[in-house]
PDB file of N, CA and C in Angstrom:
ATOM      1  N   MET A   1     160.188 161.748  68.826  1.00  0.00           N
ATOM      2  CA  MET A   1     160.275 162.763  67.786  1.00  0.00           C
ATOM      3  C   MET A   1     160.354 164.140  68.433  1.00  0.00           C
ATOM      4  N   ALA A   2     161.304 164.902  68.018  1.00  0.00           N
ATOM      5  CA  ALA A   2     161.518 166.240  68.573  1.00  0.00           C
ATOM      6  C   ALA A   2     160.643 167.261  67.850  1.00  0.00           C
ATOM      7  N   THR A   3     160.268 168.283  68.588  1.00  0.00           N
ATOM      8  CA  THR A   3     159.477 169.352  67.987  1.00  0.00           C
ATOM      9  C   THR A   3     160.399 170.306  67.231  1.00  0.00           C
ATOM     10  N   THR A   4     159.799 171.147  66.419  1.00  0.00           N
ATOM     11  CA  THR A   4     160.565 172.129  65.657  1.00  0.00           C
ATOM     12  C   THR A   4     161.292 173.090  66.589  1.00  0.00           C
ATOM     13  N   THR A   5     160.654 173.426  67.702  1.00  0.00           N
ATOM     14  CA  THR A   5     161.268 174.333  68.671  1.00  0.00           C
ATOM     15  C   THR A   5     162.520 173.717  69.280  1.00  0.00           C
ATOM     16  N   GLU A   6     162.458 172.434  69.620  1.00  0.00           N
ATOM     17  CA  GLU A   6     163.624 171.748  70.191  1.00  0.00           C
ATOM     18  C   GLU A   6     164.772 171.679  69.191  1.00  0.00           C
ATOM     19  N   ILE A   7     164.449 171.411  67.956  1.00  0.00           N
ATOM     20  CA  ILE A   7     165.480 171.326  66.916  1.00  0.00           C
ATOM     21  C   ILE A   7     166.125 172.692  66.688  1.00  0.00           C
ATOM     22  N   THR A   8     165.306 173.732  66.641  1.00  0.00           N
ATOM     23  CA  THR A   8     165.833 175.087  66.467  1.00  0.00           C
ATOM     24  C   THR A   8     166.711 175.479  67.644  1.00  0.00           C
ATOM     25  N   TYR A   9     166.251 175.163  68.850  1.00  0.00           N
ATOM     26  CA  TYR A   9     167.020 175.481  70.052  1.00  0.00           C
ATOM     27  C   TYR A   9     168.362 174.742  70.043  1.00  0.00           C
ATOM     28  N   ALA A  10     168.339 173.459  69.657  1.00  0.00           N
ATOM     29  CA  ALA A  10     169.572 172.668  69.608  1.00  0.00           C
ATOM     30  C   ALA A  10     170.545 173.247  68.580  1.00  0.00           C
ATOM     31  N   TYR A  11     170.030 173.607  67.403  1.00  0.00           N
ATOM     32  CA  TYR A  11     170.882 174.176  66.353  1.00  0.00           C
ATOM     33  C   TYR A  11     171.537 175.465  66.828  1.00  0.00           C
ATOM     34  N   ARG A  12     170.737 176.352  67.396  1.00  0.00           N
ATOM     35  CA  ARG A  12     171.271 177.640  67.849  1.00  0.00           C
ATOM     36  C   ARG A  12     172.270 177.472  68.977  1.00  0.00           C
ATOM     37  N   ASN A  13     171.977 176.560  69.893  1.00  0.00           N
ATOM     38  CA  ASN A  13     172.881 176.312  71.012  1.00  0.00           C
ATOM     39  C   ASN A  13     174.208 175.728  70.520  1.00  0.00           C
ATOM     40  N   LEU A  14     174.138 174.774  69.602  1.00  0.00           N
ATOM     41  CA  LEU A  14     175.358 174.194  69.038  1.00  0.00           C
ATOM     42  C   LEU A  14     176.158 175.245  68.272  1.00  0.00           C
ATOM     43  N   TYR A  15     175.468 176.060  67.485  1.00  0.00           N
ATOM     44  CA  TYR A  15     176.160 177.076  66.687  1.00  0.00           C
ATOM     45  C   TYR A  15     176.825 178.118  67.580  1.00  0.00           C
ATOM     46  N   ARG A  16     176.124 178.557  68.605  1.00  0.00           N
ATOM     47  CA  ARG A  16     176.678 179.552  69.528  1.00  0.00           C
ATOM     48  C   ARG A  16     177.929 179.010  70.216  1.00  0.00           C
ATOM     49  N   ASN A  17     177.864 177.764  70.677  1.00  0.00           N
ATOM     50  CA  ASN A  17     179.016 177.165  71.346  1.00  0.00           C
ATOM     51  C   ASN A  17     180.156 176.874  70.377  1.00  0.00           C
ATOM     52  N   LEU A  18     179.831 176.541  69.131  1.00  0.00           N
ATOM     53  CA  LEU A  18     180.872 176.351  68.117  1.00  0.00           C
ATOM     54  C   LEU A  18     181.638 177.644  67.880  1.00  0.00           C
ATOM     55  N   LEU A  19     180.915 178.751  67.775  1.00  0.00           N
ATOM     56  CA  LEU A  19     181.572 180.041  67.558  1.00  0.00           C
ATOM     57  C   LEU A  19     182.495 180.395  68.718  1.00  0.00           C
ATOM     58  N   LYS A  20     182.050 180.138  69.932  1.00  0.00           N
ATOM     59  CA  LYS A  20     182.892 180.415  71.095  1.00  0.00           C
ATOM     60  C   LYS A  20     184.117 179.509  71.097  1.00  0.00           C
ATOM     61  N   ALA A  21     183.926 178.246  70.718  1.00  0.00           N
ATOM     62  CA  ALA A  21     185.030 177.283  70.748  1.00  0.00           C
ATOM     63  C   ALA A  21     186.106 177.610  69.714  1.00  0.00           C
ATOM     64  N   VAL A  22     185.699 178.117  68.557  1.00  0.00           N
ATOM     65  CA  VAL A  22     186.691 178.462  67.527  1.00  0.00           C
ATOM     66  C   VAL A  22     187.118 179.914  67.637  1.00  0.00           C
ATOM     67  N   GLN A  23     186.643 180.588  68.662  1.00  0.00           N
ATOM     68  CA  GLN A  23     187.001 181.973  68.964  1.00  0.00           C
ATOM     69  C   GLN A  23     186.707 182.900  67.787  1.00  0.00           C
ATOM     70  N   TYR A  24     185.614 182.637  67.108  1.00  0.00           N
ATOM     71  CA  TYR A  24     185.119 183.467  66.009  1.00  0.00           C
ATOM     72  C   TYR A  24     186.142 183.671  64.892  1.00  0.00           C
ATOM     73  N   SER A  25     187.101 182.757  64.752  1.00  0.00           N
ATOM     74  CA  SER A  25     188.111 182.911  63.698  1.00  0.00           C
ATOM     75  C   SER A  25     187.450 182.748  62.327  1.00  0.00           C
ATOM     76  N   VAL A  26     187.876 183.566  61.386  1.00  0.00           N
ATOM     77  CA  VAL A  26     187.170 183.713  60.119  1.00  0.00           C
ATOM     78  C   VAL A  26     187.085 182.436  59.281  1.00  0.00           C
ATOM     79  N   PRO A  27     188.146 181.753  58.926  1.00  0.00           N
ATOM     80  CA  PRO A  27     187.906 180.596  58.063  1.00  0.00           C
ATOM     81  C   PRO A  27     187.225 179.449  58.806  1.00  0.00           C
ATOM     82  N   THR A  28     187.560 179.269  60.058  1.00  0.00           N
ATOM     83  CA  THR A  28     187.073 178.111  60.804  1.00  0.00           C
ATOM     84  C   THR A  28     185.592 178.210  61.126  1.00  0.00           C
ATOM     85  N   ARG A  29     185.112 179.387  61.433  1.00  0.00           N
ATOM     86  CA  ARG A  29     183.698 179.498  61.809  1.00  0.00           C
ATOM     87  C   ARG A  29     182.783 179.188  60.634  1.00  0.00           C
ATOM     88  N   PHE A  30     183.233 179.475  59.411  1.00  0.00           N
ATOM     89  CA  PHE A  30     182.410 179.172  58.249  1.00  0.00           C
ATOM     90  C   PHE A  30     182.423 177.678  57.936  1.00  0.00           C
ATOM     91  N   VAL A  31     183.550 177.034  58.152  1.00  0.00           N
ATOM     92  CA  VAL A  31     183.632 175.583  57.971  1.00  0.00           C
ATOM     93  C   VAL A  31     182.713 174.899  58.976  1.00  0.00           C
ATOM     94  N   ALA A  32     182.758 175.349  60.231  1.00  0.00           N
ATOM     95  CA  ALA A  32     181.915 174.770  61.282  1.00  0.00           C
ATOM     96  C   ALA A  32     180.439 175.007  60.981  1.00  0.00           C
ATOM     97  N   ARG A  33     180.103 176.211  60.539  1.00  0.00           N
ATOM     98  CA  ARG A  33     178.711 176.539  60.213  1.00  0.00           C
ATOM     99  C   ARG A  33     178.189 175.657  59.086  1.00  0.00           C
ATOM    100  N   ASN A  34     178.991 175.492  58.045  1.00  0.00           N
ATOM    101  CA  ASN A  34     178.562 174.682  56.905  1.00  0.00           C
ATOM    102  C   ASN A  34     178.380 173.222  57.295  1.00  0.00           C
ATOM    103  N   GLN A  35     179.257 172.723  58.135  1.00  0.00           N
ATOM    104  CA  GLN A  35     179.156 171.337  58.569  1.00  0.00           C
ATOM    105  C   GLN A  35     177.916 171.134  59.449  1.00  0.00           C
ATOM    106  N   LEU A  36     177.637 172.087  60.314  1.00  0.00           N
ATOM    107  CA  LEU A  36     176.452 172.009  61.168  1.00  0.00           C
ATOM    108  C   LEU A  36     175.177 172.099  60.328  1.00  0.00           C
ATOM    109  N   ARG A  37     175.156 172.982  59.355  1.00  0.00           N
ATOM    110  CA  ARG A  37     173.993 173.099  58.467  1.00  0.00           C
ATOM    111  C   ARG A  37     173.741 171.796  57.729  1.00  0.00           C
ATOM    112  N   ARG A  38     174.817 171.219  57.202  1.00  0.00           N
ATOM    113  CA  ARG A  38     174.684 169.960  56.469  1.00  0.00           C
ATOM    114  C   ARG A  38     174.099 168.865  57.351  1.00  0.00           C
ATOM    115  N   ALA A  39     174.539 168.816  58.600  1.00  0.00           N
ATOM    116  CA  ALA A  39     174.056 167.788  59.520  1.00  0.00           C
ATOM    117  C   ALA A  39     172.572 167.966  59.830  1.00  0.00           C
ATOM    118  N   PHE A  40     172.126 169.196  59.967  1.00  0.00           N
ATOM    119  CA  PHE A  40     170.724 169.439  60.299  1.00  0.00           C
ATOM    120  C   PHE A  40     169.809 169.357  59.081  1.00  0.00           C
ATOM    121  N   ARG A  41     170.336 169.529  57.898  1.00  0.00           N
ATOM    122  CA  ARG A  41     169.512 169.479  56.686  1.00  0.00           C
ATOM    123  C   ARG A  41     169.502 168.099  56.037  1.00  0.00           C
ATOM    124  N   GLU A  42     170.280 167.189  56.555  1.00  0.00           N
ATOM    125  CA  GLU A  42     170.341 165.844  55.993  1.00  0.00           C
ATOM    126  C   GLU A  42     168.964 165.180  56.093  1.00  0.00           C
ATOM    127  N   PRO A  43     168.480 164.576  54.999  1.00  0.00           N
ATOM    128  CA  PRO A  43     167.125 164.017  54.998  1.00  0.00           C
ATOM    129  C   PRO A  43     166.885 162.925  56.049  1.00  0.00           C
ATOM    130  N   GLY A  44     167.826 162.061  56.283  1.00  0.00           N
ATOM    131  CA  GLY A  44     167.628 160.955  57.216  1.00  0.00           C
ATOM    132  C   GLY A  44     168.100 161.237  58.629  1.00  0.00           C
ATOM    133  N   ALA A  45     168.335 162.493  58.961  1.00  0.00           N
ATOM    134  CA  ALA A  45     168.879 162.846  60.277  1.00  0.00           C
ATOM    135  C   ALA A  45     167.846 162.609  61.374  1.00  0.00           C
ATOM    136  N   THR A  46     168.319 162.135  62.517  1.00  0.00           N
ATOM    137  CA  THR A  46     167.450 161.935  63.674  1.00  0.00           C
ATOM    138  C   THR A  46     167.918 162.825  64.811  1.00  0.00           C
ATOM    139  N   TYR A  47     166.992 163.169  65.688  1.00  0.00           N
ATOM    140  CA  TYR A  47     167.292 164.032  66.831  1.00  0.00           C
ATOM    141  C   TYR A  47     167.760 163.157  67.985  1.00  0.00           C
ATOM    142  N   ASP A  48     168.957 163.434  68.495  1.00  0.00           N
ATOM    143  CA  ASP A  48     169.516 162.703  69.628  1.00  0.00           C
ATOM    144  C   ASP A  48     169.839 163.711  70.723  1.00  0.00           C
ATOM    145  N   GLY A  49     168.941 163.850  71.678  1.00  0.00           N
ATOM    146  CA  GLY A  49     169.094 164.840  72.738  1.00  0.00           C
ATOM    147  C   GLY A  49     170.340 164.641  73.573  1.00  0.00           C
ATOM    148  N   LYS A  50     170.637 163.383  73.914  1.00  0.00           N
ATOM    149  CA  LYS A  50     171.832 163.095  74.720  1.00  0.00           C
ATOM    150  C   LYS A  50     173.106 163.405  73.946  1.00  0.00           C
ATOM    151  N   GLY A  51     173.114 163.078  72.673  1.00  0.00           N
ATOM    152  CA  GLY A  51     174.283 163.366  71.840  1.00  0.00           C
ATOM    153  C   GLY A  51     174.522 164.856  71.702  1.00  0.00           C
ATOM    154  N   ILE A  52     173.450 165.610  71.553  1.00  0.00           N
ATOM    155  CA  ILE A  52     173.568 167.064  71.447  1.00  0.00           C
ATOM    156  C   ILE A  52     174.083 167.642  72.751  1.00  0.00           C
ATOM    157  N   LYS A  53     173.580 167.124  73.862  1.00  0.00           N
ATOM    158  CA  LYS A  53     174.024 167.600  75.179  1.00  0.00           C
ATOM    159  C   LYS A  53     175.520 167.344  75.382  1.00  0.00           C
ATOM    160  N   ARG A  54     175.974 166.140  75.011  1.00  0.00           N
ATOM    161  CA  ARG A  54     177.400 165.809  75.140  1.00  0.00           C
ATOM    162  C   ARG A  54     178.257 166.683  74.226  1.00  0.00           C
ATOM    163  N   THR A  55     177.762 166.949  73.020  1.00  0.00           N
ATOM    164  CA  THR A  55     178.500 167.800  72.090  1.00  0.00           C
ATOM    165  C   THR A  55     178.621 169.219  72.630  1.00  0.00           C
ATOM    166  N   ILE A  56     177.555 169.720  73.232  1.00  0.00           N
ATOM    167  CA  ILE A  56     177.593 171.063  73.821  1.00  0.00           C
ATOM    168  C   ILE A  56     178.596 171.103  74.966  1.00  0.00           C
ATOM    169  N   TRP A  57     178.628 170.063  75.790  1.00  0.00           N
ATOM    170  CA  TRP A  57     179.627 169.997  76.873  1.00  0.00           C
ATOM    171  C   TRP A  57     181.040 170.023  76.301  1.00  0.00           C
ATOM    172  N   PHE A  58     181.253 169.262  75.228  1.00  0.00           N
ATOM    173  CA  PHE A  58     182.566 169.220  74.579  1.00  0.00           C
ATOM    174  C   PHE A  58     182.952 170.601  74.049  1.00  0.00           C
ATOM    175  N   LEU A  59     182.012 171.268  73.389  1.00  0.00           N
ATOM    176  CA  LEU A  59     182.292 172.593  72.833  1.00  0.00           C
ATOM    177  C   LEU A  59     182.538 173.623  73.927  1.00  0.00           C
ATOM    178  N   GLU A  60     181.813 173.518  75.029  1.00  0.00           N
ATOM    179  CA  GLU A  60     182.045 174.429  76.156  1.00  0.00           C
ATOM    180  C   GLU A  60     183.438 174.223  76.735  1.00  0.00           C
ATOM    181  N   ALA A  61     183.863 172.959  76.829  1.00  0.00           N
ATOM    182  CA  ALA A  61     185.212 172.668  77.327  1.00  0.00           C
ATOM    183  C   ALA A  61     186.269 173.193  76.361  1.00  0.00           C
ATOM    184  N   ALA A  62     186.007 173.086  75.062  1.00  0.00           N
ATOM    185  CA  ALA A  62     186.950 173.601  74.064  1.00  0.00           C
ATOM    186  C   ALA A  62     187.039 175.121  74.125  1.00  0.00           C
ATOM    187  N   ALA A  63     185.938 175.771  74.475  1.00  0.00           N
ATOM    188  CA  ALA A  63     185.932 177.234  74.548  1.00  0.00           C
ATOM    189  C   ALA A  63     186.593 177.745  75.824  1.00  0.00           C
ATOM    190  N   ARG A  64     186.519 176.954  76.886  1.00  0.00           N
ATOM    191  CA  ARG A  64     187.032 177.393  78.179  1.00  0.00           C
ATOM    192  C   ARG A  64     188.542 177.573  78.194  1.00  0.00           C
ATOM    193  N   GLU A  65     189.256 176.611  77.653  1.00  0.00           N
ATOM    194  CA  GLU A  65     190.720 176.674  77.669  1.00  0.00           C
ATOM    195  C   GLU A  65     191.285 175.952  76.460  1.00  0.00           C
ATOM    196  N   LYS A  66     192.539 176.215  76.169  1.00  0.00           N
ATOM    197  CA  LYS A  66     193.189 175.571  75.024  1.00  0.00           C
ATOM    198  C   LYS A  66     193.748 174.220  75.441  1.00  0.00           C
ATOM    199  N   GLY A  67     192.861 173.314  75.759  1.00  0.00           N
ATOM    200  CA  GLY A  67     193.255 171.980  76.177  1.00  0.00           C
ATOM    201  C   GLY A  67     193.068 170.983  75.054  1.00  0.00           C
ATOM    202  N   MET A  68     192.858 169.748  75.452  1.00  0.00           N
ATOM    203  CA  MET A  68     192.706 168.654  74.494  1.00  0.00           C
ATOM    204  C   MET A  68     191.481 168.852  73.595  1.00  0.00           C
ATOM    205  N   GLU A  69     190.363 169.278  74.177  1.00  0.00           N
ATOM    206  CA  GLU A  69     189.143 169.464  73.395  1.00  0.00           C
ATOM    207  C   GLU A  69     189.327 170.521  72.310  1.00  0.00           C
ATOM    208  N   HIS A  70     190.010 171.590  72.659  1.00  0.00           N
ATOM    209  CA  HIS A  70     190.244 172.668  71.696  1.00  0.00           C
ATOM    210  C   HIS A  70     191.105 172.169  70.534  1.00  0.00           C
ATOM    211  N   ARG A  71     192.126 171.386  70.850  1.00  0.00           N
ATOM    212  CA  ARG A  71     193.005 170.865  69.792  1.00  0.00           C
ATOM    213  C   ARG A  71     192.279 169.857  68.902  1.00  0.00           C
ATOM    214  N   ILE A  72     191.433 169.024  69.506  1.00  0.00           N
ATOM    215  CA  ILE A  72     190.670 168.052  68.719  1.00  0.00           C
ATOM    216  C   ILE A  72     189.740 168.774  67.751  1.00  0.00           C
ATOM    217  N   LEU A  73     189.009 169.753  68.262  1.00  0.00           N
ATOM    218  CA  LEU A  73     188.084 170.514  67.418  1.00  0.00           C
ATOM    219  C   LEU A  73     188.831 171.251  66.307  1.00  0.00           C
ATOM    220  N   LYS A  74     189.941 171.852  66.659  1.00  0.00           N
ATOM    221  CA  LYS A  74     190.753 172.590  65.687  1.00  0.00           C
ATOM    222  C   LYS A  74     191.217 171.670  64.555  1.00  0.00           C
ATOM    223  N   ASN A  75     191.688 170.478  64.900  1.00  0.00           N
ATOM    224  CA  ASN A  75     192.157 169.536  63.883  1.00  0.00           C
ATOM    225  C   ASN A  75     191.013 168.998  63.030  1.00  0.00           C
ATOM    226  N   LEU A  76     189.865 168.703  63.645  1.00  0.00           N
ATOM    227  CA  LEU A  76     188.715 168.221  62.877  1.00  0.00           C
ATOM    228  C   LEU A  76     188.264 169.256  61.847  1.00  0.00           C
ATOM    229  N   LEU A  77     188.215 170.500  62.268  1.00  0.00           N
ATOM    230  CA  LEU A  77     187.778 171.549  61.346  1.00  0.00           C
ATOM    231  C   LEU A  77     188.831 171.840  60.284  1.00  0.00           C
ATOM    232  N   ARG A  78     190.096 171.706  60.633  1.00  0.00           N
ATOM    233  CA  ARG A  78     191.161 171.910  59.647  1.00  0.00           C
ATOM    234  C   ARG A  78     191.106 170.822  58.572  1.00  0.00           C
ATOM    235  N   VAL A  79     190.878 169.581  58.974  1.00  0.00           N
ATOM    236  CA  VAL A  79     190.758 168.484  58.010  1.00  0.00           C
ATOM    237  C   VAL A  79     189.566 168.727  57.088  1.00  0.00           C
ATOM    238  N   GLN A  80     188.442 169.142  57.664  1.00  0.00           N
ATOM    239  CA  GLN A  80     187.256 169.422  56.856  1.00  0.00           C
ATOM    240  C   GLN A  80     187.521 170.547  55.857  1.00  0.00           C
ATOM    241  N   GLN A  81     188.243 171.562  56.291  1.00  0.00           N
ATOM    242  CA  GLN A  81     188.561 172.695  55.418  1.00  0.00           C
ATOM    243  C   GLN A  81     189.459 172.255  54.263  1.00  0.00           C
ATOM    244  N   VAL A  82     190.456 171.430  54.541  1.00  0.00           N
ATOM    245  CA  VAL A  82     191.366 170.950  53.500  1.00  0.00           C
ATOM    246  C   VAL A  82     190.613 170.063  52.517  1.00  0.00           C
ATOM    247  N   ARG A  83     189.741 169.201  53.018  1.00  0.00           N
ATOM    248  CA  ARG A  83     188.954 168.343  52.127  1.00  0.00           C
ATOM    249  C   ARG A  83     188.072 169.172  51.205  1.00  0.00           C
ATOM    250  N   TYR A  84     187.488 170.209  51.730  1.00  0.00           N
ATOM    251  CA  TYR A  84     186.624 171.058  50.911  1.00  0.00           C
ATOM    252  C   TYR A  84     187.438 171.787  49.846  1.00  0.00           C
ATOM    253  N   ARG A  85     188.606 172.286  50.221  1.00  0.00           N
ATOM    254  CA  ARG A  85     189.461 172.997  49.261  1.00  0.00           C
ATOM    255  C   ARG A  85     189.978 172.075  48.175  1.00  0.00           C
ATOM    256  N   LYS A  86     190.355 170.852  48.540  1.00  0.00           N
ATOM    257  CA  LYS A  86     190.981 169.921  47.603  1.00  0.00           C
ATOM    258  C   LYS A  86     189.967 169.208  46.718  1.00  0.00           C
ATOM    259  N   LYS A  87     188.706 169.424  46.923  1.00  0.00           N
ATOM    260  CA  LYS A  87     187.655 168.693  46.234  1.00  0.00           C
ATOM    261  C   LYS A  87     187.786 168.724  44.710  1.00  0.00           C
ATOM    262  N   ASP A  88     188.072 169.871  44.147  1.00  0.00           N
ATOM    263  CA  ASP A  88     188.085 170.019  42.691  1.00  0.00           C
ATOM    264  C   ASP A  88     189.484 170.023  42.084  1.00  0.00           C
ATOM    265  N   TYR A  89     190.494 169.649  42.853  1.00  0.00           N
ATOM    266  CA  TYR A  89     191.856 169.706  42.349  1.00  0.00           C
ATOM    267  C   TYR A  89     192.273 168.382  41.716  1.00  0.00           C
ATOM    268  N   SER A  90     193.535 168.262  41.430  1.00  0.00           N
ATOM    269  CA  SER A  90     194.105 167.124  40.717  1.00  0.00           C
ATOM    270  C   SER A  90     193.834 165.786  41.408  1.00  0.00           C
ATOM    271  N   ALA A  91     193.651 164.764  40.600  1.00  0.00           N
ATOM    272  CA  ALA A  91     193.444 163.418  41.130  1.00  0.00           C
ATOM    273  C   ALA A  91     194.747 162.849  41.690  1.00  0.00           C
ATOM    274  N   HIS A  92     195.875 163.453  41.356  1.00  0.00           N
ATOM    275  CA  HIS A  92     197.162 162.981  41.851  1.00  0.00           C
ATOM    276  C   HIS A  92     197.448 163.473  43.263  1.00  0.00           C
ATOM    277  N   ASP A  93     196.581 164.321  43.776  1.00  0.00           N
ATOM    278  CA  ASP A  93     196.754 164.875  45.117  1.00  0.00           C
ATOM    279  C   ASP A  93     196.326 163.830  46.151  1.00  0.00           C
ATOM    280  N   PRO A  94     197.184 163.454  47.088  1.00  0.00           N
ATOM    281  CA  PRO A  94     196.821 162.423  48.066  1.00  0.00           C
ATOM    282  C   PRO A  94     195.725 162.861  49.030  1.00  0.00           C
ATOM    283  N   LEU A  95     195.479 164.158  49.166  1.00  0.00           N
ATOM    284  CA  LEU A  95     194.441 164.636  50.076  1.00  0.00           C
ATOM    285  C   LEU A  95     193.116 164.911  49.370  1.00  0.00           C
ATOM    286  N   LYS A  96     193.005 164.454  48.120  1.00  0.00           N
ATOM    287  CA  LYS A  96     191.784 164.719  47.361  1.00  0.00           C
ATOM    288  C   LYS A  96     190.589 164.072  48.051  1.00  0.00           C
ATOM    289  N   HIS A  97     189.502 164.817  48.126  1.00  0.00           N
ATOM    290  CA  HIS A  97     188.277 164.346  48.772  1.00  0.00           C
ATOM    291  C   HIS A  97     187.637 163.258  47.912  1.00  0.00           C
ATOM    292  N   ALA A  98     187.440 162.093  48.482  1.00  0.00           N
ATOM    293  CA  ALA A  98     186.842 160.979  47.749  1.00  0.00           C
ATOM    294  C   ALA A  98     185.324 161.063  47.836  1.00  0.00           C
ATOM    295  N   GLU A  99     184.678 160.956  46.705  1.00  0.00           N
ATOM    296  CA  GLU A  99     183.206 160.994  46.692  1.00  0.00           C
ATOM    297  C   GLU A  99     182.659 159.696  46.186  1.00  0.00           C
TER     298      GLU A  99
END
């Protein structure tokens, strides 16, 4: 079981690296922030130190250069943004978010 300090440190470290990886771009940083908040506020969430460490390494690599990691992160956040936007639209839309 992780302490509150460890969880806070992990959240801040992930958020800081996310901002660097998305280069502080306006729509993307809010999508990333909301997704990170949701993950940390989920009732059944567990603390995985190794997973957080690997994620931070991935985000650092995405921030360093526009390589594969940067493109993967960019596409993941773009999909999340489209799903959020399409949530309340027509049921005939093929990209409608399924709940």
